[in-house]
Amino acid sequence: MTRPILLAACITCLTAPAAFAELSPGDAWMHVTDQLGARGLHLVAEERRDGAALVMSDVALHWLDQSDPLIEIIGTFHLEPTSDGAVILTIPEPLHTMTFTETPSQRTYEFSGFEARFDGTPANAEISILSDSIASRSVVEVSLDSPARAQLTTNTNLRGLQGAITSALSEDASLDMDIRGESYRSAFKFSRGEDQEFDVTTRLSETVTSLSLSSPREFDFEAFNQNPFPYLPSTFQSRQGPMVVSGEFANAEGRSTIDFDTGPATVDFTRTPERMRLLSDGEDAALTVEGPLPGPPLSLSMERMGYRLELPGHLPEENQLLVAAFGMTLEGITLGEHVWAMFDPNRLLPRDPANLELELSASVPGARGPDGEFTFGQGGRVDLSQISLSALGAAVSLSGGLEFFDVEEAEGDLIASAEGLLPLIFSLRDAGLLPPETVGMVQMMLPGFATKVGPNRHESRITLTRDGSVTVNGTQIR
């Protein structure tokens, strides 16, 4: 989905001078080259007049310090002045673009249906997207070590676009865009001769995306590497309909298929100078795997998937702890009955849907060196608010915090609790999945490592010290 969005933004940036109907083509082109040059790009194109219209063709973009093109666009942009002093940009025929990288790859893109209106002054442009729909197609081919090859093809149809871009010579450029995607389809193929093949097809429909982005006026790669956060969108929201992913893998052992379906899903991203937050929520996921392995197809379904990620909104100039947080919720995880039948044909184990929840935060020291480069320091801390899993009629959870001094040195306390543990162990024994002697050993050792705090509920305190020792409820196990 990002390729047509970025290409649309690139096109509007290229044609920003057309908003200035009173300027000469040379003056207008200077505005374009200035905006791109401030961001590290050099623009080359053929210009000609068609009556009052300006036609640009054979566009090529270069990094300022490189002679080889980064992108070549084959096609024309028509910029027609209007009676009220604005300019309408149209693409009369599909654009074909090619990108060039250091890897042995060929990338081609087709883009059609774009139309925009430009208003403003020589110093400030307002660009409004008028397109009812935009269609794009891309093909990326990569030659790996012979005879391996990979190819990715995408087809996208967008409808109901609403967007505005502000372009000023003396300020940062801003982009606000709303996009409704009617359909999206991608196909990825990988082959290594006749021994190995891998195909994946993705289909997505009914997508609504909103984007707000501020592009810094002076783009500096060194500054970007040291602090990339100002170049990220300030807001990004996406609402998508059902998604279907189908894959096929073939090798000498046979052929396998993978099908993954999801229901509606949402993605929300916000960035402030202090924090960045990414939230994702989806429902009704199903996975099916069929292959040459013996046994029935493997299948799994899930009622809900939720994720949360929080990061600092900037890299500090001085020594400071960077705090990140991550959360995940998986609800209603269910295995297919034919999967259960492989190890529990007599239905002795509970078939309750499984649930998993995780909430943790981490803090890591960071500092800038004399050259301005940001580096992470040693050590840090992880606080586990909760990790809990309920399945097979039992529930376990873990919480606490650990302070790390290096990779192998840590200290702190963790609280582990389990409910329904013994009934689950007995069910596993009855199903033939645990030998009786193992069950007896667990019953004998459990009082030494866990405290009974309620009916069928046990709790343990796990303590780690910096010298590497580990104790559980006061009993040293390491």
Protein backbone atom coordinates (compact mmCIF):
# COMPACT_ATOMS: atom_id res chain seq x y z
CA MET A 1 0.00 0.00 0.00
CA THR A 2 2.88 2.43 0.59
CA ARG A 3 4.22 2.43 -2.99
CA PRO A 4 1.29 4.35 -4.60
CA ILE A 5 1.17 6.73 -1.63
CA LEU A 6 4.86 7.56 -1.92
CA LEU A 7 4.68 7.85 -5.70
CA ALA A 8 1.71 10.20 -5.41
CA ALA A 9 3.64 12.34 -2.92
CA CYS A 10 6.66 12.32 -5.24
CA ILE A 11 4.55 13.43 -8.20
CA THR A 12 2.98 16.29 -6.27
CA CYS A 13 6.42 17.38 -5.09
CA LEU A 14 7.75 17.28 -8.64
CA THR A 15 4.93 19.43 -9.92
CA ALA A 16 4.65 21.91 -7.06
CA PRO A 17 5.79 24.86 -9.25
CA ALA A 18 2.77 24.48 -11.50
CA ALA A 19 0.71 26.06 -8.73
CA PHE A 20 2.34 29.35 -9.67
CA ALA A 21 0.52 30.22 -12.89
CA GLU A 22 2.15 33.68 -13.04
CA LEU A 23 5.66 32.28 -13.02
CA SER A 24 7.62 31.34 -16.11
CA PRO A 25 8.38 27.67 -16.63
CA GLY A 26 12.01 28.36 -15.70
CA ASP A 27 11.03 30.06 -12.43
CA ALA A 28 8.62 27.25 -11.64
CA TRP A 29 11.23 24.62 -12.36
CA MET A 30 13.65 26.39 -10.04
CA HIS A 31 11.08 25.98 -7.27
CA VAL A 32 10.93 22.23 -7.89
CA THR A 33 14.69 21.75 -8.04
CA ASP A 34 15.11 23.83 -4.89
CA GLN A 35 12.62 21.75 -2.91
CA LEU A 36 14.17 18.48 -4.05
CA GLY A 37 17.73 19.75 -3.71
CA ALA A 38 17.10 20.64 -0.07
CA ARG A 39 16.23 16.98 0.42
CA GLY A 40 19.34 15.64 -1.27
CA LEU A 41 17.87 15.04 -4.75
CA HIS A 42 18.71 16.40 -8.21
CA LEU A 43 15.95 16.44 -10.85
CA VAL A 44 16.49 16.17 -14.61
CA ALA A 45 13.60 16.31 -17.13
CA GLU A 46 12.61 17.27 -20.66
CA GLU A 47 10.32 20.32 -20.92
CA ARG A 48 8.12 21.52 -23.75
CA ARG A 49 5.11 23.75 -24.28
CA ASP A 50 1.75 22.59 -25.60
CA GLY A 51 -0.10 25.86 -26.01
CA ALA A 52 -0.50 27.29 -22.53
CA ALA A 53 0.27 23.94 -20.91
CA LEU A 54 3.63 22.81 -19.65
CA VAL A 55 4.58 19.21 -20.42
CA MET A 56 7.32 17.44 -18.47
CA SER A 57 8.68 14.08 -19.58
CA ASP A 58 11.63 11.70 -19.18
CA VAL A 59 12.05 12.59 -15.52
CA ALA A 60 15.05 11.24 -13.63
CA LEU A 61 15.97 11.67 -9.96
CA HIS A 62 19.56 11.48 -8.70
CA TRP A 63 21.13 11.78 -5.29
CA LEU A 64 23.15 15.00 -5.33
CA ASP A 65 26.46 13.16 -4.90
CA GLN A 66 25.75 10.47 -7.51
CA SER A 67 25.57 10.58 -11.31
CA ASP A 68 23.57 7.40 -11.83
CA PRO A 69 19.78 7.86 -11.60
CA LEU A 70 17.83 6.67 -8.60
CA ILE A 71 14.46 6.71 -10.40
CA GLU A 72 13.51 7.14 -14.05
CA ILE A 73 9.90 8.00 -14.94
CA ILE A 74 8.78 7.29 -18.50
CA GLY A 75 5.66 9.27 -19.34
CA THR A 76 4.38 12.83 -19.29
CA PHE A 77 2.91 15.27 -16.76
CA HIS A 78 0.48 17.84 -18.21
CA LEU A 79 0.07 21.07 -16.25
CA GLU A 80 -2.80 23.19 -17.54
CA PRO A 81 -3.52 26.70 -16.18
CA THR A 82 -7.10 27.51 -15.17
CA SER A 83 -9.04 30.74 -15.49
CA ASP A 84 -8.89 31.36 -11.74
CA GLY A 85 -5.09 31.23 -11.56
CA ALA A 86 -4.70 27.61 -10.49
CA VAL A 87 -3.10 24.70 -12.35
CA ILE A 88 -4.50 21.22 -12.97
CA LEU A 89 -2.04 18.34 -13.21
CA THR A 90 -3.06 15.27 -15.19
CA ILE A 91 -1.27 12.13 -16.32
CA PRO A 92 -2.75 11.36 -19.76
CA GLU A 93 -1.15 7.93 -20.04
CA PRO A 94 0.16 5.45 -17.47
CA LEU A 95 3.56 6.31 -16.04
CA HIS A 96 6.27 3.68 -16.10
CA THR A 97 9.04 4.06 -13.56
CA MET A 98 12.26 2.17 -12.97
CA THR A 99 14.42 2.28 -9.87
CA PHE A 100 18.08 1.38 -9.66
CA THR A 101 19.90 -0.14 -6.70
CA GLU A 102 23.31 -1.63 -6.02
CA THR A 103 21.82 -5.13 -5.93
CA PRO A 104 21.22 -7.00 -9.22
CA SER A 105 17.52 -6.18 -9.42
CA GLN A 106 15.03 -4.71 -11.86
CA ARG A 107 12.10 -2.70 -10.53
CA THR A 108 9.31 -1.34 -12.71
CA TYR A 109 6.18 0.53 -11.65
CA GLU A 110 3.07 1.62 -13.54
CA PHE A 111 0.96 4.47 -12.22
CA SER A 112 -2.19 6.00 -13.72
CA GLY A 113 -5.27 8.03 -12.89
CA PHE A 114 -3.58 10.81 -10.88
CA GLU A 115 -5.03 14.33 -11.03
CA ALA A 116 -4.37 17.29 -8.73
CA ARG A 117 -5.06 21.02 -8.42
CA PHE A 118 -2.41 23.54 -7.42
CA ASP A 119 -3.19 26.86 -5.74
CA GLY A 120 -1.01 29.37 -3.94
CA THR A 121 1.80 31.84 -4.38
CA PRO A 122 5.39 31.52 -5.62
CA ALA A 123 6.53 30.88 -2.06
CA ASN A 124 3.67 28.69 -0.83
CA ALA A 125 1.74 26.00 -2.70
CA GLU A 126 -1.45 24.18 -1.75
CA ILE A 127 -1.96 20.93 -3.66
CA SER A 128 -5.33 19.14 -3.60
CA ILE A 129 -5.82 15.65 -5.01
CA LEU A 130 -8.79 15.43 -7.39
CA SER A 131 -8.45 11.83 -8.55
CA ASP A 132 -11.48 9.61 -8.23
CA SER A 133 -9.22 6.59 -8.48
CA ILE A 134 -5.57 5.62 -8.89
CA ALA A 135 -4.28 2.31 -10.20
CA SER A 136 -0.72 1.04 -9.83
CA ARG A 137 1.24 -2.07 -10.64
CA SER A 138 4.80 -2.88 -9.64
CA VAL A 139 7.20 -5.68 -10.50
CA VAL A 140 10.48 -6.26 -8.65
CA GLU A 141 12.84 -8.96 -9.92
CA VAL A 142 16.01 -9.89 -8.06
CA SER A 143 18.72 -12.23 -9.33
CA LEU A 144 20.33 -14.10 -6.45
CA ASP A 145 23.07 -16.69 -6.54
CA SER A 146 22.36 -18.69 -9.70
CA PRO A 147 19.91 -20.25 -10.33
CA ALA A 148 17.87 -18.48 -7.63
CA ARG A 149 15.45 -15.69 -8.59
CA ALA A 150 12.79 -13.75 -6.72
CA GLN A 151 9.90 -11.65 -8.07
CA LEU A 152 7.29 -9.49 -6.33
CA THR A 153 4.25 -8.19 -8.23
CA THR A 154 1.62 -5.86 -6.72
CA ASN A 155 -1.64 -4.47 -8.11
CA THR A 156 -3.43 -1.68 -6.25
CA ASN A 157 -6.69 0.17 -6.93
CA LEU A 158 -7.38 3.23 -4.77
CA ARG A 159 -10.66 5.16 -4.70
CA GLY A 160 -12.07 8.16 -2.90
CA LEU A 161 -8.75 9.94 -2.40
CA GLN A 162 -8.71 13.17 -0.42
CA GLY A 163 -5.40 14.86 0.21
CA ALA A 164 -3.60 18.17 0.62
CA ILE A 165 0.10 19.02 0.45
CA THR A 166 1.61 22.32 1.55
CA SER A 167 4.90 23.25 -0.14
CA ALA A 168 6.81 26.33 1.04
CA LEU A 169 10.29 27.41 0.00
CA SER A 170 11.28 28.53 3.48
CA GLU A 171 9.48 25.95 5.66
CA ASP A 172 8.97 22.22 6.09
CA ALA A 173 6.54 20.59 3.65
CA SER A 174 3.41 18.99 5.12
CA LEU A 175 1.18 16.25 3.73
CA ASP A 176 -2.34 15.31 4.85
CA MET A 177 -3.99 12.52 2.89
CA ASP A 178 -7.02 10.23 3.14
CA ILE A 179 -7.04 7.16 0.91
CA ARG A 180 -9.66 4.49 0.35
CA GLY A 181 -8.27 1.33 -1.20
CA GLU A 182 -10.75 -0.68 -3.22
CA SER A 183 -8.39 -3.61 -3.65
CA TYR A 184 -4.78 -4.63 -3.25
CA ARG A 185 -3.12 -7.77 -4.54
CA SER A 186 0.51 -8.87 -4.39
CA ALA A 187 2.28 -12.00 -5.58
CA PHE A 188 5.75 -13.06 -4.46
CA LYS A 189 7.64 -15.84 -6.22
CA PHE A 190 10.99 -17.36 -5.30
CA SER A 191 12.72 -20.15 -7.17
CA ARG A 192 16.04 -21.95 -6.95
CA GLY A 193 16.06 -24.08 -10.07
CA GLU A 194 13.65 -27.01 -9.90
CA ASP A 195 14.58 -27.95 -6.34
CA GLN A 196 12.82 -25.16 -4.49
CA GLU A 197 9.86 -22.89 -5.25
CA PHE A 198 7.87 -20.56 -3.03
CA ASP A 199 4.78 -18.52 -4.03
CA VAL A 200 2.79 -16.17 -1.78
CA THR A 201 -0.31 -14.21 -2.85
CA THR A 202 -1.89 -11.49 -0.69
CA ARG A 203 -5.35 -9.98 -1.30
CA LEU A 204 -6.69 -7.04 0.69
CA SER A 205 -9.91 -5.04 0.31
CA GLU A 206 -11.82 -2.10 1.77
CA THR A 207 -8.84 -0.21 3.17
CA VAL A 208 -9.11 3.36 4.52
CA THR A 209 -5.86 5.15 5.35
CA SER A 210 -5.19 8.62 6.79
CA LEU A 211 -1.70 10.12 6.87
CA SER A 212 -0.15 13.32 8.21
CA LEU A 213 3.51 13.92 7.44
CA SER A 214 5.93 16.82 7.80
CA SER A 215 9.02 16.69 5.59
CA PRO A 216 11.95 18.71 7.01
CA ARG A 217 13.09 21.47 4.67
CA GLU A 218 16.77 20.58 4.88
CA PHE A 219 17.27 16.85 4.45
CA ASP A 220 20.63 15.75 5.81
CA PHE A 221 21.54 12.05 5.63
CA GLU A 222 23.98 12.38 8.51
CA ALA A 223 21.31 14.04 10.65
CA PHE A 224 18.79 11.41 9.53
CA ASN A 225 21.09 8.58 10.61
CA GLN A 226 21.62 10.23 13.99
CA ASN A 227 17.94 11.03 14.59
CA PRO A 228 15.37 9.64 12.09
CA PHE A 229 12.29 10.42 14.20
CA PRO A 230 11.47 13.90 12.72
CA TYR A 231 11.07 12.25 9.30
CA LEU A 232 8.33 9.86 10.46
CA PRO A 233 4.61 10.66 10.05
CA SER A 234 2.98 12.50 12.94
CA THR A 235 -0.19 10.41 12.51
CA PHE A 236 -1.08 7.32 10.51
CA GLN A 237 -4.40 5.49 10.72
CA SER A 238 -5.49 2.52 8.64
CA ARG A 239 -8.72 0.53 8.63
CA GLN A 240 -8.72 -2.56 6.47
CA GLY A 241 -11.24 -5.18 5.52
CA PRO A 242 -10.65 -8.92 5.19
CA MET A 243 -7.19 -10.09 4.10
CA VAL A 244 -6.29 -13.40 2.49
CA VAL A 245 -2.71 -14.71 2.23
CA SER A 246 -2.08 -17.92 0.27
CA GLY A 247 1.30 -19.59 -0.06
CA GLU A 248 2.70 -22.65 -1.78
CA PHE A 249 6.10 -24.20 -1.10
CA ALA A 250 7.63 -27.03 -3.11
CA ASN A 251 10.87 -28.94 -2.65
CA ALA A 252 12.19 -32.46 -3.11
CA GLU A 253 9.92 -33.78 -0.32
CA GLY A 254 6.71 -32.54 -1.89
CA ARG A 255 4.41 -29.54 -1.97
CA SER A 256 2.92 -27.60 0.97
CA THR A 257 0.21 -24.93 1.06
CA ILE A 258 -0.42 -22.21 3.64
CA ASP A 259 -3.64 -20.17 3.90
CA PHE A 260 -4.00 -17.27 6.33
CA ASP A 261 -7.23 -15.24 6.54
CA THR A 262 -8.07 -12.28 8.78
CA GLY A 263 -11.15 -10.20 9.38
CA PRO A 264 -11.25 -6.40 9.81
CA ALA A 265 -8.15 -4.81 11.37
CA THR A 266 -6.94 -1.36 12.44
CA VAL A 267 -3.53 0.30 12.73
CA ASP A 268 -2.97 3.62 14.54
CA PHE A 269 0.35 5.44 14.78
CA THR A 270 0.98 8.76 16.52
CA ARG A 271 4.23 10.64 17.12
CA THR A 272 4.93 13.57 19.39
CA PRO A 273 8.32 14.99 20.43
CA GLU A 274 8.04 12.88 23.59
CA ARG A 275 6.60 9.52 22.49
CA MET A 276 5.69 7.34 19.52
CA ARG A 277 2.82 4.88 19.82
CA LEU A 278 1.70 2.11 17.46
CA LEU A 279 -1.57 0.28 18.10
CA SER A 280 -2.86 -2.63 16.02
CA ASP A 281 -6.03 -4.64 16.47
CA GLY A 282 -7.53 -7.40 14.34
CA GLU A 283 -10.11 -10.14 14.59
CA ASP A 284 -11.11 -13.51 13.17
CA ALA A 285 -7.78 -14.92 11.99
CA ALA A 286 -7.43 -18.46 10.64
CA LEU A 287 -4.36 -20.44 9.56
CA THR A 288 -4.32 -23.73 7.64
CA VAL A 289 -1.20 -25.66 6.60
CA GLU A 290 -1.25 -28.69 4.32
CA GLY A 291 1.89 -30.43 3.20
CA PRO A 292 3.83 -33.59 2.54
CA LEU A 293 4.18 -34.36 6.25
CA PRO A 294 2.06 -37.29 7.47
CA GLY A 295 -1.21 -36.54 9.19
CA PRO A 296 -4.16 -34.22 8.57
CA PRO A 297 -3.88 -30.50 7.74
CA LEU A 298 -2.85 -28.23 10.60
CA SER A 299 -5.37 -25.51 11.39
CA LEU A 300 -5.60 -22.73 13.97
CA SER A 301 -8.03 -19.86 14.48
CA MET A 302 -8.02 -16.76 16.67
CA GLU A 303 -10.82 -14.39 17.65
CA ARG A 304 -8.67 -11.30 18.30
CA MET A 305 -5.08 -10.06 17.93
CA GLY A 306 -3.91 -6.81 19.52
CA TYR A 307 -0.47 -5.18 19.72
CA ARG A 308 0.89 -2.02 21.32
CA LEU A 309 4.37 -0.52 20.93
CA GLU A 310 5.63 2.69 22.54
CA LEU A 311 9.04 4.24 21.84
CA PRO A 312 10.73 7.56 22.63
CA GLY A 313 9.74 10.36 20.28
CA HIS A 314 13.33 11.53 19.89
CA LEU A 315 16.91 10.55 20.62
CA PRO A 316 18.23 12.63 23.53
CA GLU A 317 21.18 14.97 23.19
CA GLU A 318 22.58 13.97 26.59
CA ASN A 319 22.91 10.76 28.57
CA GLN A 320 19.42 9.50 29.25
CA LEU A 321 17.41 6.32 29.72
CA LEU A 322 15.29 5.38 26.72
CA VAL A 323 12.04 3.69 27.75
CA ALA A 324 10.04 1.41 25.45
CA ALA A 325 6.86 -0.56 26.12
CA PHE A 326 5.27 -3.50 24.33
CA GLY A 327 1.92 -5.18 24.78
CA MET A 328 0.24 -8.10 23.01
CA THR A 329 -3.16 -9.74 23.38
CA LEU A 330 -4.20 -12.95 21.63
CA GLU A 331 -7.71 -14.15 22.42
CA GLY A 332 -9.73 -17.21 21.49
CA ILE A 333 -6.92 -19.36 20.05
CA THR A 334 -8.44 -22.65 18.89
CA LEU A 335 -6.91 -25.71 17.24
CA GLY A 336 -8.81 -27.65 14.60
CA GLU A 337 -10.43 -30.85 15.82
CA HIS A 338 -8.34 -32.96 13.45
CA VAL A 339 -5.23 -31.52 15.16
CA TRP A 340 -6.58 -32.42 18.59
CA ALA A 341 -7.29 -35.94 17.35
CA MET A 342 -3.58 -36.55 16.72
CA PHE A 343 -2.73 -36.47 20.45
CA ASP A 344 -6.10 -36.56 22.28
CA PRO A 345 -8.48 -38.75 20.25
CA ASN A 346 -10.57 -39.60 23.34
CA ARG A 347 -11.21 -35.90 24.17
CA LEU A 348 -9.80 -36.15 27.70
CA LEU A 349 -8.27 -32.65 27.57
CA PRO A 350 -10.36 -29.45 27.84
CA ARG A 351 -10.97 -27.78 24.49
CA ASP A 352 -11.19 -24.28 25.99
CA PRO A 353 -9.83 -21.55 23.67
CA ALA A 354 -6.38 -20.33 24.71
CA ASN A 355 -5.58 -16.71 25.59
CA LEU A 356 -2.21 -14.97 25.81
CA GLU A 357 -1.48 -11.52 27.23
CA LEU A 358 1.87 -9.75 27.51
CA GLU A 359 2.76 -6.33 28.95
CA LEU A 360 6.36 -5.25 29.47
CA SER A 361 8.59 -2.19 29.42
CA ALA A 362 12.33 -1.83 28.97
CA SER A 363 14.77 0.99 29.69
CA VAL A 364 18.20 1.24 28.08
CA PRO A 365 20.85 3.93 28.65
CA GLY A 366 21.91 5.94 25.63
CA ALA A 367 24.34 8.76 24.91
CA ARG A 368 25.87 10.77 22.08
CA GLY A 369 29.58 10.58 21.44
CA PRO A 370 31.88 13.49 20.55
CA ASP A 371 30.99 13.02 16.86
CA GLY A 372 27.26 13.26 17.59
CA GLU A 373 26.65 9.56 16.93
CA PHE A 374 24.06 8.02 19.25
CA THR A 375 25.00 4.75 20.94
CA PHE A 376 23.29 2.48 23.44
CA GLY A 377 25.05 1.81 26.72
CA GLN A 378 25.42 -1.48 28.55
CA GLY A 379 22.79 -2.81 30.87
CA GLY A 380 19.21 -1.74 31.32
CA ARG A 381 16.04 -2.89 32.99
CA VAL A 382 13.02 -4.96 31.97
CA ASP A 383 9.75 -4.69 33.91
CA LEU A 384 7.23 -7.41 33.20
CA SER A 385 3.80 -6.14 34.16
CA GLN A 386 2.26 -9.41 33.12
CA ILE A 387 2.61 -12.38 30.85
CA SER A 388 -0.30 -14.76 31.19
CA LEU A 389 -1.45 -17.83 29.32
CA SER A 390 -4.66 -19.76 29.78
CA ALA A 391 -5.14 -23.06 27.98
CA LEU A 392 -6.30 -26.63 28.61
CA GLY A 393 -8.28 -25.52 31.66
CA ALA A 394 -5.24 -24.02 33.41
CA ALA A 395 -3.73 -20.53 33.66
CA VAL A 396 -0.15 -19.41 34.34
CA SER A 397 1.26 -15.91 34.75
CA LEU A 398 4.60 -14.21 35.41
CA SER A 399 5.38 -10.68 36.60
CA GLY A 400 8.30 -8.76 38.09
CA GLY A 401 11.43 -6.91 37.06
CA LEU A 402 15.05 -7.62 36.19
CA GLU A 403 18.01 -5.26 36.02
CA PHE A 404 20.70 -6.23 33.51
CA PHE A 405 24.34 -5.24 33.93
CA ASP A 406 25.44 -7.03 30.77
CA VAL A 407 24.21 -9.97 28.70
CA GLU A 408 24.99 -12.56 31.40
CA GLU A 409 24.49 -10.54 34.61
CA ALA A 410 21.03 -9.75 35.96
CA GLU A 411 19.25 -9.44 39.28
CA GLY A 412 15.65 -9.08 40.35
CA ASP A 413 12.51 -10.91 41.43
CA LEU A 414 9.78 -12.60 39.42
CA ILE A 415 6.43 -13.86 40.71
CA ALA A 416 5.04 -16.94 38.96
CA SER A 417 1.52 -18.20 39.61
CA ALA A 418 -0.46 -21.12 38.27
CA GLU A 419 -4.11 -22.08 38.60
CA GLY A 420 -5.42 -25.52 37.74
CA LEU A 421 -1.91 -26.93 37.35
CA LEU A 422 -2.47 -30.27 39.11
CA PRO A 423 -5.79 -31.02 37.34
CA LEU A 424 -4.03 -30.33 34.03
CA ILE A 425 -1.17 -32.67 34.93
CA PHE A 426 -3.66 -35.42 35.81
CA SER A 427 -5.49 -34.87 32.49
CA LEU A 428 -2.21 -35.14 30.58
CA ARG A 429 -1.49 -38.39 32.42
CA ASP A 430 -4.93 -39.81 31.61
CA ALA A 431 -4.46 -38.86 27.94
CA GLY A 432 -1.17 -40.77 27.88
CA LEU A 433 0.93 -37.63 27.35
CA LEU A 434 2.72 -37.80 30.74
CA PRO A 435 4.02 -41.01 32.37
CA PRO A 436 2.68 -41.71 35.90
CA GLU A 437 6.17 -41.49 37.44
CA THR A 438 6.57 -37.93 36.14
CA VAL A 439 3.23 -36.94 37.65
CA GLY A 440 4.28 -38.43 40.98
CA MET A 441 7.57 -36.53 40.92
CA VAL A 442 5.77 -33.22 40.24
CA GLN A 443 3.37 -33.84 43.15
CA MET A 444 6.29 -34.58 45.46
CA MET A 445 8.42 -31.56 44.47
CA LEU A 446 5.67 -28.95 44.09
CA PRO A 447 5.42 -27.98 47.82
CA GLY A 448 9.15 -27.18 47.87
CA PHE A 449 8.98 -24.76 44.95
CA ALA A 450 5.45 -23.31 45.17
CA THR A 451 3.16 -22.00 47.88
CA LYS A 452 -0.52 -22.88 47.78
CA VAL A 453 -2.43 -19.58 47.91
CA GLY A 454 -5.92 -20.82 47.04
CA PRO A 455 -7.92 -23.74 45.68
CA ASN A 456 -5.88 -25.20 42.81
CA ARG A 457 -3.66 -22.07 42.82
CA HIS A 458 0.10 -21.97 43.51
CA GLU A 459 2.64 -19.15 43.58
CA SER A 460 6.45 -19.01 43.44
CA ARG A 461 9.01 -16.24 43.92
CA ILE A 462 12.02 -16.53 41.61
CA THR A 463 15.07 -14.50 42.64
CA LEU A 464 18.11 -13.88 40.43
CA THR A 465 21.31 -12.34 41.77
CA ARG A 466 24.22 -10.76 39.99
CA ASP A 467 26.56 -13.66 40.79
CA GLY A 468 24.36 -15.96 38.70
CA SER A 469 22.48 -17.76 41.47
CA VAL A 470 18.76 -18.52 41.14
CA THR A 471 16.39 -19.40 43.99
CA VAL A 472 12.74 -20.47 43.84
CA ASN A 473 10.78 -19.89 47.05
CA GLY A 474 14.09 -19.86 48.93
CA THR A 475 15.37 -23.10 47.37
CA GLN A 476 18.54 -22.56 45.36
CA ILE A 477 18.46 -24.31 41.99
CA ARG A 478 21.60 -22.69 40.55
